[in-house]
Amino acid sequence: MFSKGMSQSVAARFCRRMATGFHAGVDLLKLCQREAQHGSPKHKAAMEAVAAQLRDGTPMARAMIDVAEGKYFPPLMIQMVHIGETTGRLERTLKELADHYDHRLAMQRMFLMGIAWPMLQLIGGIAVIGLAILITQMLGSEFNAVGLNMTQYLTLVFLFFGSITSAVLALKFNAFGCHRLFALVYRIPKAGEALQTIALSRICWTLSLALDSGMDAMRSVKMALQSTQNDHFASRADTAIATIKSGGTLTESFASTGIFPEEFLHFVEVAELSGTDAESLGNLADVYDQRAKTATRVLVGVMTGVIWAAVTIMLVAIILKMAMSVFGVYDEALKM
């Protein structure tokens, strides 16, 4: 039942409702019992299991781990709830978690809305090329501008979208260790810088959230690096933690990984020197949030340009080849 965990949209609404209930003075058990009456069957079952353990005196974080062996609730949520219970700031922690998930959802929506038009253009271009092939096929082989019939063309289209889907899944699950390629991807002008900025924005948000909740520096850094869902950053967690254990600062822990830009390290150092890490990092998160939005627009612009260029080149090539085919037929007719 719990093979798929809680989605970010469900997590955002769940944390918001729980924080609102706490603020209203409702106790934790009643809130969980109320949650068990709403949502999908999977969510109801999870909350019923949590409520049952709360009745037995189990802390909420422990109960969340025990539900489907911790596979339903996000690891970030479980750790933050544990810190919130320990420090007595569960209401504030849940509210900040809700803000965190809402922020990530907003970034996802912005990106999806941005690529919607380029994708429609791509589909339109593929349809136009398919129509051109169909027309030339109907006119006869001497007019075939592409050298493909519809079956062959549709096979290529299927392979094209299949390759894109495979690439997306490979990135999501780090198949064949492909996240190691991000070290090269981040060096690509515009697009690479944009992707790195989005990752740094996630790190800032999570680090600020963790430190503000009272979490220790080592767990905060590890959680922040893992929040990128990118092994290029997450695999450096042990190095960063080792630096902190040896007495290093947050800035030194990030610098020891060798993957962070100097500007980011400078901002973190200033935040540490101010003596208010969580608040200063929160301000830094806002800065990188704005940069991430700009970076998303840059990515969309790059994708739009690539799609436009690809479709234009294909259409021009087809038109030129069709024209050459027609002129060739006329030339042969004149010679006769």
C-alpha atoms as a PDB file:
ATOM      1  CA  MET A   1       0.000   0.000   0.000  1.00  0.00           C
ATOM      2  CA  PHE A   2       2.836   2.390   0.835  1.00  0.00           C
ATOM      3  CA  SER A   3       5.080   1.573  -2.144  1.00  0.00           C
ATOM      4  CA  LYS A   4       4.870   5.229  -3.140  1.00  0.00           C
ATOM      5  CA  GLY A   5       5.530   7.865  -0.506  1.00  0.00           C
ATOM      6  CA  MET A   6       3.693  11.068   0.310  1.00  0.00           C
ATOM      7  CA  SER A   7       3.795  13.560  -2.549  1.00  0.00           C
ATOM      8  CA  GLN A   8       5.027  17.107  -1.984  1.00  0.00           C
ATOM      9  CA  SER A   9       1.550  18.567  -2.528  1.00  0.00           C
ATOM     10  CA  VAL A  10       0.052  16.225   0.078  1.00  0.00           C
ATOM     11  CA  ALA A  11       2.977  16.960   2.431  1.00  0.00           C
ATOM     12  CA  ALA A  12       2.435  20.718   2.103  1.00  0.00           C
ATOM     13  CA  ARG A  13      -1.293  20.488   2.877  1.00  0.00           C
ATOM     14  CA  PHE A  14      -0.713  18.005   5.709  1.00  0.00           C
ATOM     15  CA  CYS A  15       1.883  20.194   7.438  1.00  0.00           C
ATOM     16  CA  ARG A  16      -0.276  23.300   6.986  1.00  0.00           C
ATOM     17  CA  ARG A  17      -3.349  21.628   8.520  1.00  0.00           C
ATOM     18  CA  MET A  18      -1.343  20.220  11.426  1.00  0.00           C
ATOM     19  CA  ALA A  19       0.291  23.601  12.144  1.00  0.00           C
ATOM     20  CA  THR A  20      -3.077  25.363  12.006  1.00  0.00           C
ATOM     21  CA  GLY A  21      -4.602  22.788  14.351  1.00  0.00           C
ATOM     22  CA  PHE A  22      -1.747  23.177  16.837  1.00  0.00           C
ATOM     23  CA  HIS A  23      -2.153  26.936  16.747  1.00  0.00           C
ATOM     24  CA  ALA A  24      -5.844  26.482  17.545  1.00  0.00           C
ATOM     25  CA  GLY A  25      -4.985  24.363  20.591  1.00  0.00           C
ATOM     26  CA  VAL A  26      -6.017  20.929  19.263  1.00  0.00           C
ATOM     27  CA  ASP A  27      -3.919  18.082  20.669  1.00  0.00           C
ATOM     28  CA  LEU A  28      -1.747  15.916  18.421  1.00  0.00           C
ATOM     29  CA  LEU A  29      -3.813  12.732  18.700  1.00  0.00           C
ATOM     30  CA  LYS A  30      -7.047  14.450  17.654  1.00  0.00           C
ATOM     31  CA  LEU A  31      -5.277  16.089  14.734  1.00  0.00           C
ATOM     32  CA  CYS A  32      -4.001  12.728  13.503  1.00  0.00           C
ATOM     33  CA  GLN A  33      -7.423  11.137  13.980  1.00  0.00           C
ATOM     34  CA  ARG A  34      -8.956  13.930  11.916  1.00  0.00           C
ATOM     35  CA  GLU A  35      -6.299  13.448   9.233  1.00  0.00           C
ATOM     36  CA  ALA A  36      -7.251   9.759   9.078  1.00  0.00           C
ATOM     37  CA  GLN A  37     -10.703  10.803   7.840  1.00  0.00           C
ATOM     38  CA  HIS A  38      -9.450  12.755   4.808  1.00  0.00           C
ATOM     39  CA  GLY A  39      -7.316  12.206   1.751  1.00  0.00           C
ATOM     40  CA  SER A  40      -6.459   9.111  -0.242  1.00  0.00           C
ATOM     41  CA  PRO A  41      -6.872   5.585   1.181  1.00  0.00           C
ATOM     42  CA  LYS A  42      -3.086   5.406   1.515  1.00  0.00           C
ATOM     43  CA  HIS A  43      -2.973   8.636   3.535  1.00  0.00           C
ATOM     44  CA  LYS A  44      -5.891   7.554   5.726  1.00  0.00           C
ATOM     45  CA  ALA A  45      -4.222   4.220   6.489  1.00  0.00           C
ATOM     46  CA  ALA A  46      -0.937   5.943   7.351  1.00  0.00           C
ATOM     47  CA  MET A  47      -2.598   8.425   9.700  1.00  0.00           C
ATOM     48  CA  GLU A  48      -4.665   5.687  11.357  1.00  0.00           C
ATOM     49  CA  ALA A  49      -1.429   3.808  12.061  1.00  0.00           C
ATOM     50  CA  VAL A  50       0.210   6.961  13.449  1.00  0.00           C
ATOM     51  CA  ALA A  51      -2.824   7.733  15.632  1.00  0.00           C
ATOM     52  CA  ALA A  52      -2.810   4.184  17.008  1.00  0.00           C
ATOM     53  CA  GLN A  53       0.815   4.537  18.099  1.00  0.00           C
ATOM     54  CA  LEU A  54       0.205   7.987  19.579  1.00  0.00           C
ATOM     55  CA  ARG A  55      -2.495   6.459  21.780  1.00  0.00           C
ATOM     56  CA  ASP A  56       0.160   4.069  23.104  1.00  0.00           C
ATOM     57  CA  GLY A  57       2.439   6.986  23.975  1.00  0.00           C
ATOM     58  CA  THR A  58       4.811   6.704  21.004  1.00  0.00           C
ATOM     59  CA  PRO A  59       6.330  10.025  19.829  1.00  0.00           C
ATOM     60  CA  MET A  60       5.001  11.174  16.474  1.00  0.00           C
ATOM     61  CA  ALA A  61       8.371  10.986  14.689  1.00  0.00           C
ATOM     62  CA  ARG A  62       8.835   7.396  15.857  1.00  0.00           C
ATOM     63  CA  ALA A  63       5.309   6.549  14.722  1.00  0.00           C
ATOM     64  CA  MET A  64       5.990   8.076  11.292  1.00  0.00           C
ATOM     65  CA  ILE A  65       9.107   5.914  10.941  1.00  0.00           C
ATOM     66  CA  ASP A  66       7.201   2.765  11.899  1.00  0.00           C
ATOM     67  CA  VAL A  67       4.522   3.370   9.235  1.00  0.00           C
ATOM     68  CA  ALA A  68       5.626   1.225   6.281  1.00  0.00           C
ATOM     69  CA  GLU A  69       9.195   1.295   7.646  1.00  0.00           C
ATOM     70  CA  GLY A  70       9.408   5.027   7.039  1.00  0.00           C
ATOM     71  CA  LYS A  71       8.584   4.771   3.318  1.00  0.00           C
ATOM     72  CA  TYR A  72       5.454   6.937   3.348  1.00  0.00           C
ATOM     73  CA  PHE A  73       6.477  10.127   5.149  1.00  0.00           C
ATOM     74  CA  PRO A  74       9.400  12.094   3.608  1.00  0.00           C
ATOM     75  CA  PRO A  75      12.703  11.727   5.536  1.00  0.00           C
ATOM     76  CA  LEU A  76      12.940  15.512   5.872  1.00  0.00           C
ATOM     77  CA  MET A  77       9.512  15.649   7.517  1.00  0.00           C
ATOM     78  CA  ILE A  78      10.328  12.829   9.937  1.00  0.00           C
ATOM     79  CA  GLN A  79      13.582  14.435  11.058  1.00  0.00           C
ATOM     80  CA  MET A  80      12.028  17.877  11.410  1.00  0.00           C
ATOM     81  CA  VAL A  81       9.084  16.512  13.419  1.00  0.00           C
ATOM     82  CA  HIS A  82      11.563  14.741  15.708  1.00  0.00           C
ATOM     83  CA  ILE A  83      13.448  18.002  16.287  1.00  0.00           C
ATOM     84  CA  GLY A  84      10.175  19.888  16.769  1.00  0.00           C
ATOM     85  CA  GLU A  85       9.013  17.415  19.417  1.00  0.00           C
ATOM     86  CA  THR A  86      12.387  17.491  21.174  1.00  0.00           C
ATOM     87  CA  THR A  87      12.594  21.292  21.311  1.00  0.00           C
ATOM     88  CA  GLY A  88       8.886  21.899  21.934  1.00  0.00           C
ATOM     89  CA  ARG A  89       8.556  23.882  18.684  1.00  0.00           C
ATOM     90  CA  LEU A  90       6.494  21.418  16.680  1.00  0.00           C
ATOM     91  CA  GLU A  91       3.902  23.997  15.594  1.00  0.00           C
ATOM     92  CA  ARG A  92       6.522  26.350  14.176  1.00  0.00           C
ATOM     93  CA  THR A  93       8.426  23.467  12.602  1.00  0.00           C
ATOM     94  CA  LEU A  94       5.313  22.189  10.819  1.00  0.00           C
ATOM     95  CA  LYS A  95       4.494  25.673   9.551  1.00  0.00           C
ATOM     96  CA  GLU A  96       8.018  26.106   8.184  1.00  0.00           C
ATOM     97  CA  LEU A  97       7.839  22.649   6.614  1.00  0.00           C
ATOM     98  CA  ALA A  98       4.600  23.660   4.894  1.00  0.00           C
ATOM     99  CA  ASP A  99       6.314  26.800   3.572  1.00  0.00           C
ATOM    100  CA  HIS A 100       9.246  24.678   2.398  1.00  0.00           C
ATOM    101  CA  TYR A 101       7.052  22.258   0.442  1.00  0.00           C
ATOM    102  CA  ASP A 102       4.934  25.099  -0.964  1.00  0.00           C
ATOM    103  CA  HIS A 103       8.115  26.775  -2.203  1.00  0.00           C
ATOM    104  CA  ARG A 104       9.298  23.634  -3.981  1.00  0.00           C
ATOM    105  CA  LEU A 105       5.868  23.125  -5.528  1.00  0.00           C
ATOM    106  CA  ALA A 106       5.856  26.726  -6.759  1.00  0.00           C
ATOM    107  CA  MET A 107       9.250  26.199  -8.415  1.00  0.00           C
ATOM    108  CA  GLN A 108       8.030  22.999 -10.066  1.00  0.00           C
ATOM    109  CA  ARG A 109       4.861  24.679 -11.336  1.00  0.00           C
ATOM    110  CA  MET A 110       6.887  27.593 -12.679  1.00  0.00           C
ATOM    111  CA  PHE A 111       9.169  25.222 -14.587  1.00  0.00           C
ATOM    112  CA  LEU A 112       6.332  23.072 -15.957  1.00  0.00           C
ATOM    113  CA  MET A 113       4.357  26.117 -17.059  1.00  0.00           C
ATOM    114  CA  GLY A 114       7.492  27.476 -18.687  1.00  0.00           C
ATOM    115  CA  ILE A 115       8.216  24.344 -20.737  1.00  0.00           C
ATOM    116  CA  ALA A 116       4.560  23.776 -21.697  1.00  0.00           C
ATOM    117  CA  TRP A 117       4.752  26.155 -24.681  1.00  0.00           C
ATOM    118  CA  PRO A 118       8.112  24.826 -26.004  1.00  0.00           C
ATOM    119  CA  MET A 119       6.770  21.263 -25.728  1.00  0.00           C
ATOM    120  CA  LEU A 120       3.641  22.241 -27.670  1.00  0.00           C
ATOM    121  CA  GLN A 121       5.914  23.770 -30.303  1.00  0.00           C
ATOM    122  CA  LEU A 122       7.926  20.552 -30.456  1.00  0.00           C
ATOM    123  CA  ILE A 123       4.800  18.426 -30.824  1.00  0.00           C
ATOM    124  CA  GLY A 124       3.506  20.824 -33.482  1.00  0.00           C
ATOM    125  CA  GLY A 125       6.802  20.599 -35.369  1.00  0.00           C
ATOM    126  CA  ILE A 126       6.737  16.797 -35.244  1.00  0.00           C
ATOM    127  CA  ALA A 127       3.137  16.838 -36.513  1.00  0.00           C
ATOM    128  CA  VAL A 128       4.038  19.187 -39.402  1.00  0.00           C
ATOM    129  CA  ILE A 129       6.975  17.005 -40.422  1.00  0.00           C
ATOM    130  CA  GLY A 130       4.764  13.921 -40.204  1.00  0.00           C
ATOM    131  CA  LEU A 131       2.185  15.632 -42.414  1.00  0.00           C
ATOM    132  CA  ALA A 132       4.906  16.526 -44.932  1.00  0.00           C
ATOM    133  CA  ILE A 133       6.032  12.888 -45.028  1.00  0.00           C
ATOM    134  CA  LEU A 134       2.451  11.710 -45.464  1.00  0.00           C
ATOM    135  CA  ILE A 135       1.862  14.128 -48.355  1.00  0.00           C
ATOM    136  CA  THR A 136       5.090  13.184 -50.146  1.00  0.00           C
ATOM    137  CA  GLN A 137       4.301   9.509 -49.594  1.00  0.00           C
ATOM    138  CA  MET A 138       0.907  10.013 -51.235  1.00  0.00           C
ATOM    139  CA  LEU A 139       2.512  11.872 -54.175  1.00  0.00           C
ATOM    140  CA  GLY A 140       4.961   9.080 -54.831  1.00  0.00           C
ATOM    141  CA  SER A 141       8.466   8.013 -53.927  1.00  0.00           C
ATOM    142  CA  GLU A 142      10.084  10.548 -56.275  1.00  0.00           C
ATOM    143  CA  PHE A 143       8.682  13.352 -54.087  1.00  0.00           C
ATOM    144  CA  ASN A 144       9.705  11.793 -50.754  1.00  0.00           C
ATOM    145  CA  ALA A 145      11.720  14.608 -49.206  1.00  0.00           C
ATOM    146  CA  VAL A 146      12.783  12.719 -46.094  1.00  0.00           C
ATOM    147  CA  GLY A 147      13.404   9.218 -47.353  1.00  0.00           C
ATOM    148  CA  LEU A 148      11.149   7.752 -44.646  1.00  0.00           C
ATOM    149  CA  ASN A 149       7.639   6.370 -44.716  1.00  0.00           C
ATOM    150  CA  MET A 150       5.163   7.072 -41.908  1.00  0.00           C
ATOM    151  CA  THR A 151       5.910   3.811 -40.095  1.00  0.00           C
ATOM    152  CA  GLN A 152       9.616   4.570 -39.996  1.00  0.00           C
ATOM    153  CA  TYR A 153       8.986   8.174 -38.945  1.00  0.00           C
ATOM    154  CA  LEU A 154       6.646   7.178 -36.108  1.00  0.00           C
ATOM    155  CA  THR A 155       9.236   4.659 -34.939  1.00  0.00           C
ATOM    156  CA  LEU A 156      11.843   7.432 -34.766  1.00  0.00           C
ATOM    157  CA  VAL A 157       9.410   9.695 -32.873  1.00  0.00           C
ATOM    158  CA  PHE A 158       8.731   6.878 -30.397  1.00  0.00           C
ATOM    159  CA  LEU A 159      12.467   6.308 -29.920  1.00  0.00           C
ATOM    160  CA  PHE A 160      13.011  10.061 -29.457  1.00  0.00           C
ATOM    161  CA  PHE A 161      10.433  10.431 -26.681  1.00  0.00           C
ATOM    162  CA  GLY A 162      11.486   7.095 -25.207  1.00  0.00           C
ATOM    163  CA  SER A 163      15.064   8.363 -24.974  1.00  0.00           C
ATOM    164  CA  ILE A 164      13.924  11.557 -23.234  1.00  0.00           C
ATOM    165  CA  THR A 165      11.822   9.543 -20.759  1.00  0.00           C
ATOM    166  CA  SER A 166      14.737   7.189 -20.082  1.00  0.00           C
ATOM    167  CA  ALA A 167      17.074  10.136 -19.511  1.00  0.00           C
ATOM    168  CA  VAL A 168      14.647  11.749 -17.043  1.00  0.00           C
ATOM    169  CA  LEU A 169      14.236   8.474 -15.119  1.00  0.00           C
ATOM    170  CA  ALA A 170      18.001   7.924 -15.126  1.00  0.00           C
ATOM    171  CA  LEU A 171      18.513  11.379 -13.610  1.00  0.00           C
ATOM    172  CA  LYS A 172      15.787  10.795 -11.031  1.00  0.00           C
ATOM    173  CA  PHE A 173      17.195   7.471  -9.826  1.00  0.00           C
ATOM    174  CA  ASN A 174      20.891   8.171 -10.561  1.00  0.00           C
ATOM    175  CA  ALA A 175      21.084   5.207 -12.929  1.00  0.00           C
ATOM    176  CA  PHE A 176      24.660   4.177 -13.794  1.00  0.00           C
ATOM    177  CA  GLY A 177      25.896   6.947 -11.488  1.00  0.00           C
ATOM    178  CA  CYS A 178      24.882   9.585 -14.036  1.00  0.00           C
ATOM    179  CA  HIS A 179      24.763  12.304 -11.353  1.00  0.00           C
ATOM    180  CA  ARG A 180      28.551  12.401 -11.570  1.00  0.00           C
ATOM    181  CA  LEU A 181      28.108  14.110 -14.928  1.00  0.00           C
ATOM    182  CA  PHE A 182      26.662  17.171 -13.175  1.00  0.00           C
ATOM    183  CA  ALA A 183      30.215  18.320 -12.494  1.00  0.00           C
ATOM    184  CA  LEU A 184      30.503  18.831 -16.263  1.00  0.00           C
ATOM    185  CA  VAL A 185      26.912  19.963 -16.805  1.00  0.00           C
ATOM    186  CA  TYR A 186      27.304  22.831 -14.320  1.00  0.00           C
ATOM    187  CA  ARG A 187      30.103  24.237 -16.484  1.00  0.00           C
ATOM    188  CA  ILE A 188      27.796  24.719 -19.472  1.00  0.00           C
ATOM    189  CA  PRO A 189      27.152  28.453 -19.940  1.00  0.00           C
ATOM    190  CA  LYS A 190      23.662  29.625 -18.966  1.00  0.00           C
ATOM    191  CA  ALA A 191      21.986  26.201 -18.637  1.00  0.00           C
ATOM    192  CA  GLY A 192      24.605  24.727 -16.272  1.00  0.00           C
ATOM    193  CA  GLU A 193      24.695  27.854 -14.128  1.00  0.00           C
ATOM    194  CA  ALA A 194      20.893  27.824 -13.941  1.00  0.00           C
ATOM    195  CA  LEU A 195      20.767  24.197 -12.778  1.00  0.00           C
ATOM    196  CA  GLN A 196      23.425  24.850 -10.126  1.00  0.00           C
ATOM    197  CA  THR A 197      21.535  27.903  -8.847  1.00  0.00           C
ATOM    198  CA  ILE A 198      18.359  25.843  -8.413  1.00  0.00           C
ATOM    199  CA  ALA A 199      20.313  23.227  -6.419  1.00  0.00           C
ATOM    200  CA  LEU A 200      21.910  25.911  -4.219  1.00  0.00           C
ATOM    201  CA  SER A 201      18.471  27.399  -3.574  1.00  0.00           C
ATOM    202  CA  ARG A 202      17.269  24.037  -2.238  1.00  0.00           C
ATOM    203  CA  ILE A 203      20.339  23.751  -0.015  1.00  0.00           C
ATOM    204  CA  CYS A 204      19.780  27.233   1.443  1.00  0.00           C
ATOM    205  CA  TRP A 205      16.102  26.617   2.148  1.00  0.00           C
ATOM    206  CA  THR A 206      16.678  23.262   3.833  1.00  0.00           C
ATOM    207  CA  LEU A 207      19.707  24.427   5.821  1.00  0.00           C
ATOM    208  CA  SER A 208      17.843  27.477   7.113  1.00  0.00           C
ATOM    209  CA  LEU A 209      14.834  25.353   8.027  1.00  0.00           C
ATOM    210  CA  ALA A 210      16.941  22.745   9.849  1.00  0.00           C
ATOM    211  CA  LEU A 211      19.062  25.215  11.834  1.00  0.00           C
ATOM    212  CA  ASP A 212      16.032  27.295  12.794  1.00  0.00           C
ATOM    213  CA  SER A 213      14.335  24.191  14.204  1.00  0.00           C
ATOM    214  CA  GLY A 214      17.280  23.577  16.534  1.00  0.00           C
ATOM    215  CA  MET A 215      18.893  20.748  14.594  1.00  0.00           C
ATOM    216  CA  ASP A 216      22.649  20.331  15.036  1.00  0.00           C
ATOM    217  CA  ALA A 217      25.012  21.468  12.278  1.00  0.00           C
ATOM    218  CA  MET A 218      26.049  17.994  11.118  1.00  0.00           C
ATOM    219  CA  ARG A 219      22.529  16.733  10.517  1.00  0.00           C
ATOM    220  CA  SER A 220      21.518  20.083   9.040  1.00  0.00           C
ATOM    221  CA  VAL A 221      24.310  19.984   6.457  1.00  0.00           C
ATOM    222  CA  LYS A 222      23.600  16.361   5.573  1.00  0.00           C
ATOM    223  CA  MET A 223      19.895  17.075   5.154  1.00  0.00           C
ATOM    224  CA  ALA A 224      20.603  20.179   3.068  1.00  0.00           C
ATOM    225  CA  LEU A 225      22.871  18.298   0.669  1.00  0.00           C
ATOM    226  CA  GLN A 226      20.402  15.430   0.349  1.00  0.00           C
ATOM    227  CA  SER A 227      17.544  17.840  -0.355  1.00  0.00           C
ATOM    228  CA  THR A 228      18.987  18.497  -3.827  1.00  0.00           C
ATOM    229  CA  GLN A 229      18.113  14.896  -4.788  1.00  0.00           C
ATOM    230  CA  ASN A 230      21.375  15.039  -6.701  1.00  0.00           C
ATOM    231  CA  ASP A 231      24.190  12.647  -5.854  1.00  0.00           C
ATOM    232  CA  HIS A 232      26.708  15.253  -7.011  1.00  0.00           C
ATOM    233  CA  PHE A 233      25.921  17.098  -3.757  1.00  0.00           C
ATOM    234  CA  ALA A 234      24.550  14.306  -1.537  1.00  0.00           C
ATOM    235  CA  SER A 235      27.661  12.135  -1.959  1.00  0.00           C
ATOM    236  CA  ARG A 236      29.749  14.911  -0.350  1.00  0.00           C
ATOM    237  CA  ALA A 237      27.783  14.803   2.913  1.00  0.00           C
ATOM    238  CA  ASP A 238      30.322  12.583   4.711  1.00  0.00           C
ATOM    239  CA  THR A 239      33.170  14.932   3.762  1.00  0.00           C
ATOM    240  CA  ALA A 240      31.281  17.969   5.056  1.00  0.00           C
ATOM    241  CA  ILE A 241      30.298  16.202   8.289  1.00  0.00           C
ATOM    242  CA  ALA A 242      33.894  15.094   8.906  1.00  0.00           C
ATOM    243  CA  THR A 243      35.001  18.730   8.649  1.00  0.00           C
ATOM    244  CA  ILE A 244      32.420  19.815  11.240  1.00  0.00           C
ATOM    245  CA  LYS A 245      33.427  16.963  13.563  1.00  0.00           C
ATOM    246  CA  SER A 246      37.018  18.164  13.430  1.00  0.00           C
ATOM    247  CA  GLY A 247      35.906  21.623  14.567  1.00  0.00           C
ATOM    248  CA  GLY A 248      35.311  23.264  11.202  1.00  0.00           C
ATOM    249  CA  THR A 249      32.632  25.861  10.485  1.00  0.00           C
ATOM    250  CA  LEU A 250      29.703  25.547   8.102  1.00  0.00           C
ATOM    251  CA  THR A 251      31.672  27.478   5.506  1.00  0.00           C
ATOM    252  CA  GLU A 252      34.664  25.179   5.892  1.00  0.00           C
ATOM    253  CA  SER A 253      32.447  22.097   5.690  1.00  0.00           C
ATOM    254  CA  PHE A 254      30.988  23.236   2.362  1.00  0.00           C
ATOM    255  CA  ALA A 255      34.400  24.341   1.078  1.00  0.00           C
ATOM    256  CA  SER A 256      35.903  20.936   1.909  1.00  0.00           C
ATOM    257  CA  THR A 257      33.618  19.289  -0.668  1.00  0.00           C
ATOM    258  CA  GLY A 258      35.224  21.288  -3.469  1.00  0.00           C
ATOM    259  CA  ILE A 259      31.966  21.720  -5.401  1.00  0.00           C
ATOM    260  CA  PHE A 260      30.535  25.023  -4.160  1.00  0.00           C
ATOM    261  CA  PRO A 261      31.147  28.360  -5.919  1.00  0.00           C
ATOM    262  CA  GLU A 262      33.135  31.014  -4.060  1.00  0.00           C
ATOM    263  CA  GLU A 263      30.184  33.404  -3.961  1.00  0.00           C
ATOM    264  CA  PHE A 264      28.016  30.870  -2.124  1.00  0.00           C
ATOM    265  CA  LEU A 265      30.782  30.164   0.402  1.00  0.00           C
ATOM    266  CA  HIS A 266      31.197  33.892   0.982  1.00  0.00           C
ATOM    267  CA  PHE A 267      27.473  34.302   1.700  1.00  0.00           C
ATOM    268  CA  VAL A 268      27.510  31.396   4.185  1.00  0.00           C
ATOM    269  CA  GLU A 269      30.595  32.831   5.904  1.00  0.00           C
ATOM    270  CA  VAL A 270      28.881  36.209   6.308  1.00  0.00           C
ATOM    271  CA  ALA A 271      25.838  34.434   7.779  1.00  0.00           C
ATOM    272  CA  GLU A 272      28.056  32.675  10.324  1.00  0.00           C
ATOM    273  CA  LEU A 273      29.910  35.852  11.263  1.00  0.00           C
ATOM    274  CA  SER A 274      26.598  37.599  11.944  1.00  0.00           C
ATOM    275  CA  GLY A 275      25.940  35.121  14.762  1.00  0.00           C
ATOM    276  CA  THR A 276      22.398  34.392  13.543  1.00  0.00           C
ATOM    277  CA  ASP A 277      22.946  31.485  11.167  1.00  0.00           C
ATOM    278  CA  ALA A 278      19.314  30.467  10.705  1.00  0.00           C
ATOM    279  CA  GLU A 279      17.998  33.993  10.128  1.00  0.00           C
ATOM    280  CA  SER A 280      20.859  35.003   7.832  1.00  0.00           C
ATOM    281  CA  LEU A 281      20.607  31.764   5.884  1.00  0.00           C
ATOM    282  CA  GLY A 282      16.876  32.408   5.597  1.00  0.00           C
ATOM    283  CA  ASN A 283      17.694  35.728   3.947  1.00  0.00           C
ATOM    284  CA  LEU A 284      20.232  33.946   1.755  1.00  0.00           C
ATOM    285  CA  ALA A 285      17.540  31.421   0.828  1.00  0.00           C
ATOM    286  CA  ASP A 286      15.338  34.308  -0.329  1.00  0.00           C
ATOM    287  CA  VAL A 287      18.197  35.622  -2.480  1.00  0.00           C
ATOM    288  CA  TYR A 288      18.779  32.239  -4.082  1.00  0.00           C
ATOM    289  CA  ASP A 289      15.028  31.778  -4.432  1.00  0.00           C
ATOM    290  CA  GLN A 290      14.906  34.826  -6.697  1.00  0.00           C
ATOM    291  CA  ARG A 291      17.975  33.586  -8.544  1.00  0.00           C
ATOM    292  CA  ALA A 292      16.372  30.156  -8.949  1.00  0.00           C
ATOM    293  CA  LYS A 293      13.288  31.748 -10.509  1.00  0.00           C
ATOM    294  CA  THR A 294      15.508  33.643 -12.925  1.00  0.00           C
ATOM    295  CA  ALA A 295      17.455  30.432 -13.579  1.00  0.00           C
ATOM    296  CA  THR A 296      14.221  28.596 -14.356  1.00  0.00           C
ATOM    297  CA  ARG A 297      13.333  31.241 -16.920  1.00  0.00           C
ATOM    298  CA  VAL A 298      16.819  30.882 -18.420  1.00  0.00           C
ATOM    299  CA  LEU A 299      16.378  27.105 -18.711  1.00  0.00           C
ATOM    300  CA  VAL A 300      12.998  27.570 -20.359  1.00  0.00           C
ATOM    301  CA  GLY A 301      14.535  30.082 -22.761  1.00  0.00           C
ATOM    302  CA  VAL A 302      17.343  27.674 -23.650  1.00  0.00           C
ATOM    303  CA  MET A 303      14.865  24.835 -24.217  1.00  0.00           C
ATOM    304  CA  THR A 304      12.659  27.072 -26.360  1.00  0.00           C
ATOM    305  CA  GLY A 305      15.645  28.125 -28.460  1.00  0.00           C
ATOM    306  CA  VAL A 306      16.839  24.539 -28.954  1.00  0.00           C
ATOM    307  CA  ILE A 307      13.352  23.348 -29.935  1.00  0.00           C
ATOM    308  CA  TRP A 308      12.816  26.261 -32.321  1.00  0.00           C
ATOM    309  CA  ALA A 309      16.222  25.681 -33.922  1.00  0.00           C
ATOM    310  CA  ALA A 310      15.673  21.921 -34.285  1.00  0.00           C
ATOM    311  CA  VAL A 311      12.189  22.266 -35.783  1.00  0.00           C
ATOM    312  CA  THR A 312      13.291  25.084 -38.116  1.00  0.00           C
ATOM    313  CA  ILE A 313      16.307  23.129 -39.380  1.00  0.00           C
ATOM    314  CA  MET A 314      14.184  20.030 -40.012  1.00  0.00           C
ATOM    315  CA  LEU A 315      11.460  21.973 -41.825  1.00  0.00           C
ATOM    316  CA  VAL A 316      13.940  23.927 -43.960  1.00  0.00           C
ATOM    317  CA  ALA A 317      15.760  20.697 -44.859  1.00  0.00           C
ATOM    318  CA  ILE A 318      12.487  19.041 -45.858  1.00  0.00           C
ATOM    319  CA  ILE A 319      11.342  22.038 -47.910  1.00  0.00           C
ATOM    320  CA  LEU A 320      14.697  22.263 -49.714  1.00  0.00           C
ATOM    321  CA  LYS A 321      14.727  18.545 -50.430  1.00  0.00           C
ATOM    322  CA  MET A 322      11.134  18.678 -51.671  1.00  0.00           C
ATOM    323  CA  ALA A 323      12.024  21.610 -53.933  1.00  0.00           C
ATOM    324  CA  MET A 324      15.052  19.754 -55.290  1.00  0.00           C
ATOM    325  CA  SER A 325      12.894  16.684 -55.934  1.00  0.00           C
ATOM    326  CA  VAL A 326      10.300  18.745 -57.798  1.00  0.00           C
ATOM    327  CA  PHE A 327      12.942  20.566 -59.854  1.00  0.00           C
ATOM    328  CA  GLY A 328      14.561  17.232 -60.645  1.00  0.00           C
ATOM    329  CA  VAL A 329      11.282  15.854 -61.978  1.00  0.00           C
ATOM    330  CA  TYR A 330      10.737  18.984 -64.115  1.00  0.00           C
ATOM    331  CA  ASP A 331      14.313  18.800 -65.400  1.00  0.00           C
ATOM    332  CA  GLU A 332      13.874  15.197 -66.489  1.00  0.00           C
ATOM    333  CA  ALA A 333      10.548  16.061 -68.144  1.00  0.00           C
ATOM    334  CA  LEU A 334      12.161  18.904 -70.136  1.00  0.00           C
ATOM    335  CA  LYS A 335      14.981  16.650 -71.326  1.00  0.00           C
ATOM    336  CA  MET A 336      12.416  14.222 -72.674  1.00  0.00           C
END
